[in-house]
Amino acid sequence: MSNPPSNPRDTDLIEVLEQQIEDLAAILAGPDGRTDFEQVVTYAFAVSGVTVADLEPIIEQLGPGARKVIMTTADRLRAEGEARGETKGRREALLELLSLKFGGVPATVVSTVVDADSAQLKAWSARVLTAGSLDEVFRG
C-alpha cells in the first residue's frame, strides 16, 4: 500500500472511496461507465491533493478499466494545469514587457491582456519588440 497522503482530508476521501467500492464498480460498469467514473475521479482530484499513487488501493479493487480512466484523467488535468500556467506566465511576461517599454500600462490594456488566449498573448509579445506604441502592439 502507498504512503498515506499528507493531508488528513485526503485520507478521509480515500477511505470514503474505499467504502463505496461497490458503487464505484457499478458506475464503471454502467452504460456510460467510463464517462461517469471520470467525473468521480475528476472531482476527487479537484477537491483534494490525492495522487494516482494514493488511489492505488481503489485501482487494485476496480481493475484495469479504473486504472485507465484514472491515469487518463490525471494526464488531462495535468495538461490543463500546465496550459493555464503557461498562459498565466505569458500574461505576466507581456505586462512586464509593456510596462518596461511604454511605462505605465492602463487598466484597459491589463484587462485586454487578462482576457486573451495564449495564441493572442504570443502574437502581442512578439509585436512588443518592434512596436512604437501600445496601439501598435494590439492592432488587428
N, C-alpha and C. Protein backbone atom coordinates (compact mmCIF):
# COMPACT_ATOMS: atom_id res chain seq x y z
N MET A 1 0.84 -1.18 0.00
CA MET A 1 0.00 0.00 0.00
C MET A 1 0.89 1.24 0.00
N SER A 2 0.42 2.32 -0.60
CA SER A 2 1.21 3.53 -0.70
C SER A 2 1.23 4.27 0.62
N ASN A 3 2.13 5.25 0.71
CA ASN A 3 2.18 6.09 1.90
C ASN A 3 0.89 6.88 2.01
N PRO A 4 0.45 7.16 3.24
CA PRO A 4 -0.78 7.93 3.38
C PRO A 4 -0.56 9.36 2.90
N PRO A 5 -1.60 9.99 2.33
CA PRO A 5 -1.47 11.38 1.91
C PRO A 5 -1.13 12.26 3.10
N SER A 6 -0.44 13.37 2.84
CA SER A 6 -0.04 14.26 3.92
C SER A 6 -1.23 15.01 4.51
N ASN A 7 -2.25 15.25 3.74
CA ASN A 7 -3.43 15.96 4.22
C ASN A 7 -4.45 14.95 4.75
N PRO A 8 -4.83 15.06 6.04
CA PRO A 8 -5.80 14.11 6.60
C PRO A 8 -7.12 14.07 5.83
N ARG A 9 -7.53 15.19 5.25
CA ARG A 9 -8.77 15.20 4.48
C ARG A 9 -8.65 14.30 3.26
N ASP A 10 -7.46 14.21 2.69
CA ASP A 10 -7.24 13.32 1.56
C ASP A 10 -7.39 11.87 1.99
N THR A 11 -6.88 11.56 3.18
CA THR A 11 -7.03 10.21 3.73
C THR A 11 -8.51 9.90 3.90
N ASP A 12 -9.26 10.88 4.41
CA ASP A 12 -10.70 10.70 4.57
C ASP A 12 -11.37 10.41 3.23
N LEU A 13 -10.98 11.13 2.19
CA LEU A 13 -11.57 10.91 0.87
C LEU A 13 -11.27 9.50 0.37
N ILE A 14 -10.06 9.06 0.53
CA ILE A 14 -9.70 7.71 0.09
C ILE A 14 -10.51 6.67 0.87
N GLU A 15 -10.66 6.89 2.15
CA GLU A 15 -11.46 5.96 2.96
C GLU A 15 -12.91 5.93 2.48
N VAL A 16 -13.47 7.08 2.17
CA VAL A 16 -14.84 7.14 1.66
C VAL A 16 -14.94 6.39 0.34
N LEU A 17 -13.98 6.62 -0.54
CA LEU A 17 -13.99 5.92 -1.83
C LEU A 17 -13.88 4.41 -1.64
N GLU A 18 -13.02 4.00 -0.71
CA GLU A 18 -12.88 2.56 -0.45
C GLU A 18 -14.18 1.98 0.10
N GLN A 19 -14.90 2.74 0.92
CA GLN A 19 -16.18 2.28 1.46
C GLN A 19 -17.25 2.20 0.38
N GLN A 20 -17.06 2.95 -0.69
CA GLN A 20 -18.05 2.99 -1.78
C GLN A 20 -17.60 2.17 -2.98
N ILE A 21 -16.71 1.23 -2.77
CA ILE A 21 -16.10 0.50 -3.88
C ILE A 21 -17.15 -0.21 -4.74
N GLU A 22 -18.17 -0.77 -4.12
CA GLU A 22 -19.22 -1.45 -4.91
C GLU A 22 -19.97 -0.45 -5.79
N ASP A 23 -20.26 0.72 -5.24
CA ASP A 23 -20.93 1.75 -6.04
C ASP A 23 -20.03 2.23 -7.18
N LEU A 24 -18.75 2.38 -6.89
CA LEU A 24 -17.81 2.79 -7.93
C LEU A 24 -17.71 1.74 -9.03
N ALA A 25 -17.71 0.47 -8.63
CA ALA A 25 -17.69 -0.62 -9.62
C ALA A 25 -18.95 -0.58 -10.48
N ALA A 26 -20.09 -0.30 -9.86
CA ALA A 26 -21.35 -0.22 -10.60
C ALA A 26 -21.34 0.97 -11.57
N ILE A 27 -20.78 2.08 -11.12
CA ILE A 27 -20.68 3.24 -12.00
C ILE A 27 -19.82 2.89 -13.21
N LEU A 28 -18.67 2.30 -12.95
CA LEU A 28 -17.73 1.94 -14.02
C LEU A 28 -18.33 0.94 -14.99
N ALA A 29 -19.18 0.05 -14.49
CA ALA A 29 -19.79 -0.98 -15.33
C ALA A 29 -21.05 -0.49 -16.05
N GLY A 30 -21.53 0.70 -15.72
CA GLY A 30 -22.76 1.23 -16.31
C GLY A 30 -22.61 1.56 -17.78
N PRO A 31 -23.73 1.92 -18.42
CA PRO A 31 -23.72 2.20 -19.86
C PRO A 31 -22.77 3.35 -20.26
N ASP A 32 -22.65 4.35 -19.41
CA ASP A 32 -21.70 5.45 -19.63
C ASP A 32 -20.62 5.41 -18.57
N GLY A 33 -20.23 4.20 -18.21
CA GLY A 33 -19.36 3.97 -17.06
C GLY A 33 -18.07 4.75 -17.04
N ARG A 34 -17.34 4.71 -18.12
CA ARG A 34 -16.05 5.42 -18.14
C ARG A 34 -16.25 6.92 -17.98
N THR A 35 -17.24 7.47 -18.66
CA THR A 35 -17.52 8.90 -18.56
C THR A 35 -17.97 9.26 -17.15
N ASP A 36 -18.87 8.46 -16.59
CA ASP A 36 -19.37 8.73 -15.24
C ASP A 36 -18.26 8.57 -14.20
N PHE A 37 -17.45 7.54 -14.36
CA PHE A 37 -16.35 7.31 -13.41
C PHE A 37 -15.32 8.43 -13.53
N GLU A 38 -15.12 8.92 -14.74
CA GLU A 38 -14.19 10.04 -14.94
C GLU A 38 -14.65 11.27 -14.15
N GLN A 39 -15.96 11.49 -14.09
CA GLN A 39 -16.49 12.61 -13.31
C GLN A 39 -16.16 12.45 -11.83
N VAL A 40 -16.29 11.24 -11.32
CA VAL A 40 -15.96 10.97 -9.92
C VAL A 40 -14.47 11.23 -9.68
N VAL A 41 -13.65 10.73 -10.58
CA VAL A 41 -12.20 10.89 -10.44
C VAL A 41 -11.81 12.37 -10.55
N THR A 42 -12.39 13.07 -11.50
CA THR A 42 -12.11 14.50 -11.66
C THR A 42 -12.45 15.24 -10.38
N TYR A 43 -13.59 14.92 -9.80
CA TYR A 43 -14.00 15.54 -8.54
C TYR A 43 -12.98 15.22 -7.45
N ALA A 44 -12.57 13.97 -7.34
CA ALA A 44 -11.62 13.57 -6.30
C ALA A 44 -10.31 14.35 -6.43
N PHE A 45 -9.81 14.49 -7.65
CA PHE A 45 -8.58 15.24 -7.85
C PHE A 45 -8.80 16.73 -7.56
N ALA A 46 -9.97 17.26 -7.92
CA ALA A 46 -10.24 18.69 -7.77
C ALA A 46 -10.38 19.12 -6.31
N VAL A 47 -10.98 18.28 -5.48
CA VAL A 47 -11.26 18.69 -4.10
C VAL A 47 -10.18 18.26 -3.12
N SER A 48 -9.17 17.59 -3.60
CA SER A 48 -8.16 17.08 -2.68
C SER A 48 -6.79 17.12 -3.34
N GLY A 49 -5.83 16.71 -2.58
CA GLY A 49 -4.47 16.62 -3.10
C GLY A 49 -4.08 15.19 -3.41
N VAL A 50 -5.07 14.31 -3.57
CA VAL A 50 -4.73 12.91 -3.82
C VAL A 50 -4.02 12.77 -5.16
N THR A 51 -3.18 11.77 -5.21
CA THR A 51 -2.43 11.46 -6.43
C THR A 51 -2.88 10.10 -6.94
N VAL A 52 -2.42 9.77 -8.11
CA VAL A 52 -2.71 8.45 -8.66
C VAL A 52 -2.20 7.38 -7.70
N ALA A 53 -1.03 7.60 -7.14
CA ALA A 53 -0.47 6.62 -6.19
C ALA A 53 -1.38 6.46 -4.97
N ASP A 54 -1.97 7.55 -4.50
CA ASP A 54 -2.89 7.47 -3.36
C ASP A 54 -4.13 6.63 -3.69
N LEU A 55 -4.50 6.64 -4.97
CA LEU A 55 -5.70 5.90 -5.40
C LEU A 55 -5.40 4.44 -5.75
N GLU A 56 -4.17 4.02 -5.56
CA GLU A 56 -3.79 2.65 -5.90
C GLU A 56 -4.70 1.60 -5.25
N PRO A 57 -5.09 1.74 -3.98
CA PRO A 57 -5.99 0.73 -3.40
C PRO A 57 -7.34 0.65 -4.14
N ILE A 58 -7.82 1.78 -4.61
CA ILE A 58 -9.07 1.81 -5.38
C ILE A 58 -8.85 1.12 -6.72
N ILE A 59 -7.74 1.44 -7.36
CA ILE A 59 -7.41 0.84 -8.66
C ILE A 59 -7.31 -0.68 -8.54
N GLU A 60 -6.64 -1.13 -7.48
CA GLU A 60 -6.47 -2.57 -7.29
C GLU A 60 -7.82 -3.28 -7.18
N GLN A 61 -8.77 -2.65 -6.53
CA GLN A 61 -10.08 -3.27 -6.35
C GLN A 61 -10.95 -3.17 -7.60
N LEU A 62 -10.78 -2.11 -8.37
CA LEU A 62 -11.65 -1.90 -9.53
C LEU A 62 -11.08 -2.42 -10.84
N GLY A 63 -9.78 -2.61 -10.90
CA GLY A 63 -9.19 -3.22 -12.07
C GLY A 63 -8.66 -2.27 -13.12
N PRO A 64 -8.26 -2.84 -14.27
CA PRO A 64 -7.57 -2.06 -15.31
C PRO A 64 -8.43 -0.97 -15.94
N GLY A 65 -9.73 -1.17 -16.01
CA GLY A 65 -10.60 -0.12 -16.56
C GLY A 65 -10.53 1.14 -15.73
N ALA A 66 -10.54 0.96 -14.41
CA ALA A 66 -10.42 2.10 -13.50
C ALA A 66 -9.05 2.75 -13.63
N ARG A 67 -8.00 1.93 -13.73
CA ARG A 67 -6.64 2.46 -13.88
C ARG A 67 -6.56 3.36 -15.11
N LYS A 68 -7.12 2.88 -16.22
CA LYS A 68 -7.06 3.66 -17.45
C LYS A 68 -7.78 5.00 -17.30
N VAL A 69 -8.97 4.99 -16.69
CA VAL A 69 -9.72 6.23 -16.50
C VAL A 69 -8.97 7.17 -15.57
N ILE A 70 -8.45 6.64 -14.48
CA ILE A 70 -7.73 7.47 -13.51
C ILE A 70 -6.47 8.07 -14.14
N MET A 71 -5.71 7.27 -14.86
CA MET A 71 -4.48 7.77 -15.49
C MET A 71 -4.80 8.81 -16.56
N THR A 72 -5.79 8.52 -17.38
CA THR A 72 -6.18 9.46 -18.44
C THR A 72 -6.66 10.77 -17.84
N THR A 73 -7.47 10.68 -16.79
CA THR A 73 -7.98 11.88 -16.14
C THR A 73 -6.84 12.67 -15.52
N ALA A 74 -5.93 12.00 -14.84
CA ALA A 74 -4.79 12.68 -14.24
C ALA A 74 -3.94 13.37 -15.31
N ASP A 75 -3.71 12.69 -16.42
CA ASP A 75 -2.93 13.29 -17.52
C ASP A 75 -3.65 14.51 -18.09
N ARG A 76 -4.96 14.39 -18.27
CA ARG A 76 -5.73 15.52 -18.81
C ARG A 76 -5.69 16.71 -17.86
N LEU A 77 -5.91 16.47 -16.58
CA LEU A 77 -5.89 17.56 -15.60
C LEU A 77 -4.52 18.20 -15.50
N ARG A 78 -3.47 17.38 -15.59
CA ARG A 78 -2.11 17.91 -15.55
C ARG A 78 -1.86 18.80 -16.77
N ALA A 79 -2.28 18.34 -17.93
CA ALA A 79 -2.08 19.13 -19.16
C ALA A 79 -2.86 20.44 -19.09
N GLU A 80 -4.09 20.37 -18.59
CA GLU A 80 -4.89 21.59 -18.46
C GLU A 80 -4.22 22.57 -17.50
N GLY A 81 -3.69 22.06 -16.39
CA GLY A 81 -3.00 22.91 -15.43
C GLY A 81 -1.74 23.54 -16.02
N GLU A 82 -1.01 22.75 -16.79
CA GLU A 82 0.19 23.28 -17.44
C GLU A 82 -0.18 24.37 -18.44
N ALA A 83 -1.25 24.16 -19.18
CA ALA A 83 -1.68 25.17 -20.16
C ALA A 83 -2.10 26.46 -19.45
N ARG A 84 -2.83 26.32 -18.34
CA ARG A 84 -3.22 27.52 -17.58
C ARG A 84 -1.98 28.23 -17.05
N GLY A 85 -1.02 27.47 -16.56
CA GLY A 85 0.21 28.06 -16.05
C GLY A 85 1.01 28.76 -17.14
N GLU A 86 1.06 28.14 -18.31
CA GLU A 86 1.76 28.76 -19.43
C GLU A 86 1.09 30.06 -19.84
N THR A 87 -0.23 30.06 -19.91
CA THR A 87 -0.95 31.27 -20.28
C THR A 87 -0.75 32.36 -19.23
N LYS A 88 -0.79 31.99 -17.97
CA LYS A 88 -0.56 32.95 -16.90
C LYS A 88 0.83 33.56 -17.03
N GLY A 89 1.82 32.72 -17.30
CA GLY A 89 3.18 33.21 -17.48
C GLY A 89 3.31 34.15 -18.66
N ARG A 90 2.63 33.82 -19.76
CA ARG A 90 2.64 34.70 -20.93
C ARG A 90 2.02 36.06 -20.59
N ARG A 91 0.92 36.03 -19.83
CA ARG A 91 0.26 37.30 -19.44
C ARG A 91 1.22 38.15 -18.62
N GLU A 92 1.83 37.53 -17.61
CA GLU A 92 2.73 38.27 -16.73
C GLU A 92 3.91 38.83 -17.51
N ALA A 93 4.48 38.03 -18.40
CA ALA A 93 5.63 38.48 -19.19
C ALA A 93 5.24 39.63 -20.11
N LEU A 94 4.09 39.52 -20.77
CA LEU A 94 3.66 40.58 -21.68
C LEU A 94 3.43 41.88 -20.91
N LEU A 95 2.76 41.80 -19.77
CA LEU A 95 2.52 43.01 -18.98
C LEU A 95 3.83 43.63 -18.52
N GLU A 96 4.80 42.80 -18.17
CA GLU A 96 6.09 43.33 -17.75
C GLU A 96 6.80 43.99 -18.93
N LEU A 97 6.78 43.36 -20.09
CA LEU A 97 7.41 43.96 -21.28
C LEU A 97 6.75 45.29 -21.65
N LEU A 98 5.42 45.32 -21.60
CA LEU A 98 4.70 46.56 -21.92
C LEU A 98 5.08 47.66 -20.95
N SER A 99 5.15 47.32 -19.68
CA SER A 99 5.49 48.30 -18.66
C SER A 99 6.92 48.82 -18.84
N LEU A 100 7.83 47.90 -19.13
CA LEU A 100 9.22 48.32 -19.33
C LEU A 100 9.40 49.19 -20.56
N LYS A 101 8.68 48.86 -21.62
CA LYS A 101 8.87 49.60 -22.88
C LYS A 101 8.06 50.89 -22.92
N PHE A 102 6.82 50.86 -22.40
CA PHE A 102 5.93 52.01 -22.59
C PHE A 102 5.58 52.72 -21.28
N GLY A 103 6.11 52.29 -20.18
CA GLY A 103 5.77 52.91 -18.90
C GLY A 103 4.51 52.27 -18.33
N GLY A 104 3.74 53.05 -17.61
CA GLY A 104 2.53 52.53 -17.00
C GLY A 104 1.59 51.91 -18.03
N VAL A 105 0.95 50.84 -17.63
CA VAL A 105 0.01 50.14 -18.51
C VAL A 105 -1.41 50.44 -18.03
N PRO A 106 -2.23 51.05 -18.89
CA PRO A 106 -3.60 51.39 -18.50
C PRO A 106 -4.42 50.15 -18.11
N ALA A 107 -5.37 50.34 -17.24
CA ALA A 107 -6.23 49.24 -16.77
C ALA A 107 -6.94 48.56 -17.93
N THR A 108 -7.31 49.30 -18.95
CA THR A 108 -8.00 48.69 -20.09
C THR A 108 -7.08 47.71 -20.83
N VAL A 109 -5.79 48.05 -20.90
CA VAL A 109 -4.82 47.16 -21.54
C VAL A 109 -4.62 45.92 -20.67
N VAL A 110 -4.51 46.11 -19.37
CA VAL A 110 -4.37 44.98 -18.45
C VAL A 110 -5.56 44.04 -18.61
N SER A 111 -6.75 44.61 -18.67
CA SER A 111 -7.97 43.80 -18.84
C SER A 111 -7.95 43.03 -20.16
N THR A 112 -7.51 43.68 -21.21
CA THR A 112 -7.40 43.04 -22.52
C THR A 112 -6.44 41.86 -22.46
N VAL A 113 -5.31 42.07 -21.81
CA VAL A 113 -4.29 41.01 -21.69
C VAL A 113 -4.84 39.85 -20.85
N VAL A 114 -5.50 40.16 -19.76
CA VAL A 114 -6.04 39.12 -18.88
C VAL A 114 -7.08 38.26 -19.60
N ASP A 115 -7.84 38.86 -20.50
CA ASP A 115 -8.90 38.13 -21.21
C ASP A 115 -8.41 37.37 -22.44
N ALA A 116 -7.16 37.57 -22.82
CA ALA A 116 -6.65 36.98 -24.06
C ALA A 116 -6.25 35.52 -23.89
N ASP A 117 -6.29 34.79 -25.02
CA ASP A 117 -5.83 33.40 -25.01
C ASP A 117 -4.32 33.36 -25.29
N SER A 118 -3.76 32.19 -25.16
CA SER A 118 -2.31 32.02 -25.27
C SER A 118 -1.77 32.45 -26.64
N ALA A 119 -2.49 32.11 -27.71
CA ALA A 119 -2.02 32.46 -29.06
C ALA A 119 -1.97 33.98 -29.24
N GLN A 120 -2.98 34.66 -28.75
CA GLN A 120 -3.01 36.12 -28.88
C GLN A 120 -1.90 36.75 -28.04
N LEU A 121 -1.69 36.23 -26.85
CA LEU A 121 -0.62 36.74 -26.00
C LEU A 121 0.74 36.58 -26.67
N LYS A 122 0.94 35.44 -27.33
CA LYS A 122 2.20 35.19 -28.02
C LYS A 122 2.40 36.20 -29.15
N ALA A 123 1.35 36.47 -29.91
CA ALA A 123 1.45 37.43 -31.01
C ALA A 123 1.76 38.84 -30.49
N TRP A 124 1.06 39.25 -29.45
CA TRP A 124 1.31 40.58 -28.88
C TRP A 124 2.72 40.68 -28.32
N SER A 125 3.19 39.62 -27.68
CA SER A 125 4.54 39.64 -27.10
C SER A 125 5.59 39.84 -28.18
N ALA A 126 5.40 39.22 -29.33
CA ALA A 126 6.33 39.40 -30.44
C ALA A 126 6.29 40.83 -30.97
N ARG A 127 5.10 41.43 -31.00
CA ARG A 127 4.96 42.80 -31.51
C ARG A 127 5.62 43.83 -30.60
N VAL A 128 5.75 43.53 -29.32
CA VAL A 128 6.37 44.48 -28.39
C VAL A 128 7.77 44.84 -28.87
N LEU A 129 8.45 43.90 -29.50
CA LEU A 129 9.83 44.14 -29.93
C LEU A 129 9.95 45.26 -30.95
N THR A 130 8.95 45.40 -31.81
CA THR A 130 9.06 46.38 -32.90
C THR A 130 8.06 47.52 -32.78
N ALA A 131 7.09 47.42 -31.90
CA ALA A 131 6.05 48.44 -31.80
C ALA A 131 6.59 49.73 -31.19
N GLY A 132 6.06 50.83 -31.70
CA GLY A 132 6.43 52.14 -31.16
C GLY A 132 5.42 52.66 -30.16
N SER A 133 4.28 51.95 -30.05
CA SER A 133 3.24 52.39 -29.12
C SER A 133 2.41 51.18 -28.68
N LEU A 134 1.62 51.38 -27.64
CA LEU A 134 0.70 50.33 -27.21
C LEU A 134 -0.29 49.97 -28.31
N ASP A 135 -0.75 50.98 -29.04
CA ASP A 135 -1.71 50.72 -30.12
C ASP A 135 -1.12 49.79 -31.17
N GLU A 136 0.15 49.93 -31.47
CA GLU A 136 0.78 49.06 -32.46
C GLU A 136 0.88 47.62 -31.97
N VAL A 137 1.05 47.43 -30.68
CA VAL A 137 1.11 46.08 -30.12
C VAL A 137 -0.23 45.38 -30.32
N PHE A 138 -1.32 46.09 -30.10
CA PHE A 138 -2.66 45.48 -30.07
C PHE A 138 -3.45 45.63 -31.36
N ARG A 139 -2.82 46.11 -32.42
CA ARG A 139 -3.54 46.26 -33.70
C ARG A 139 -3.96 44.88 -34.22
N GLY A 140 -5.04 44.88 -35.00
CA GLY A 140 -5.51 43.68 -35.68
C GLY A 140 -5.70 42.55 -34.83
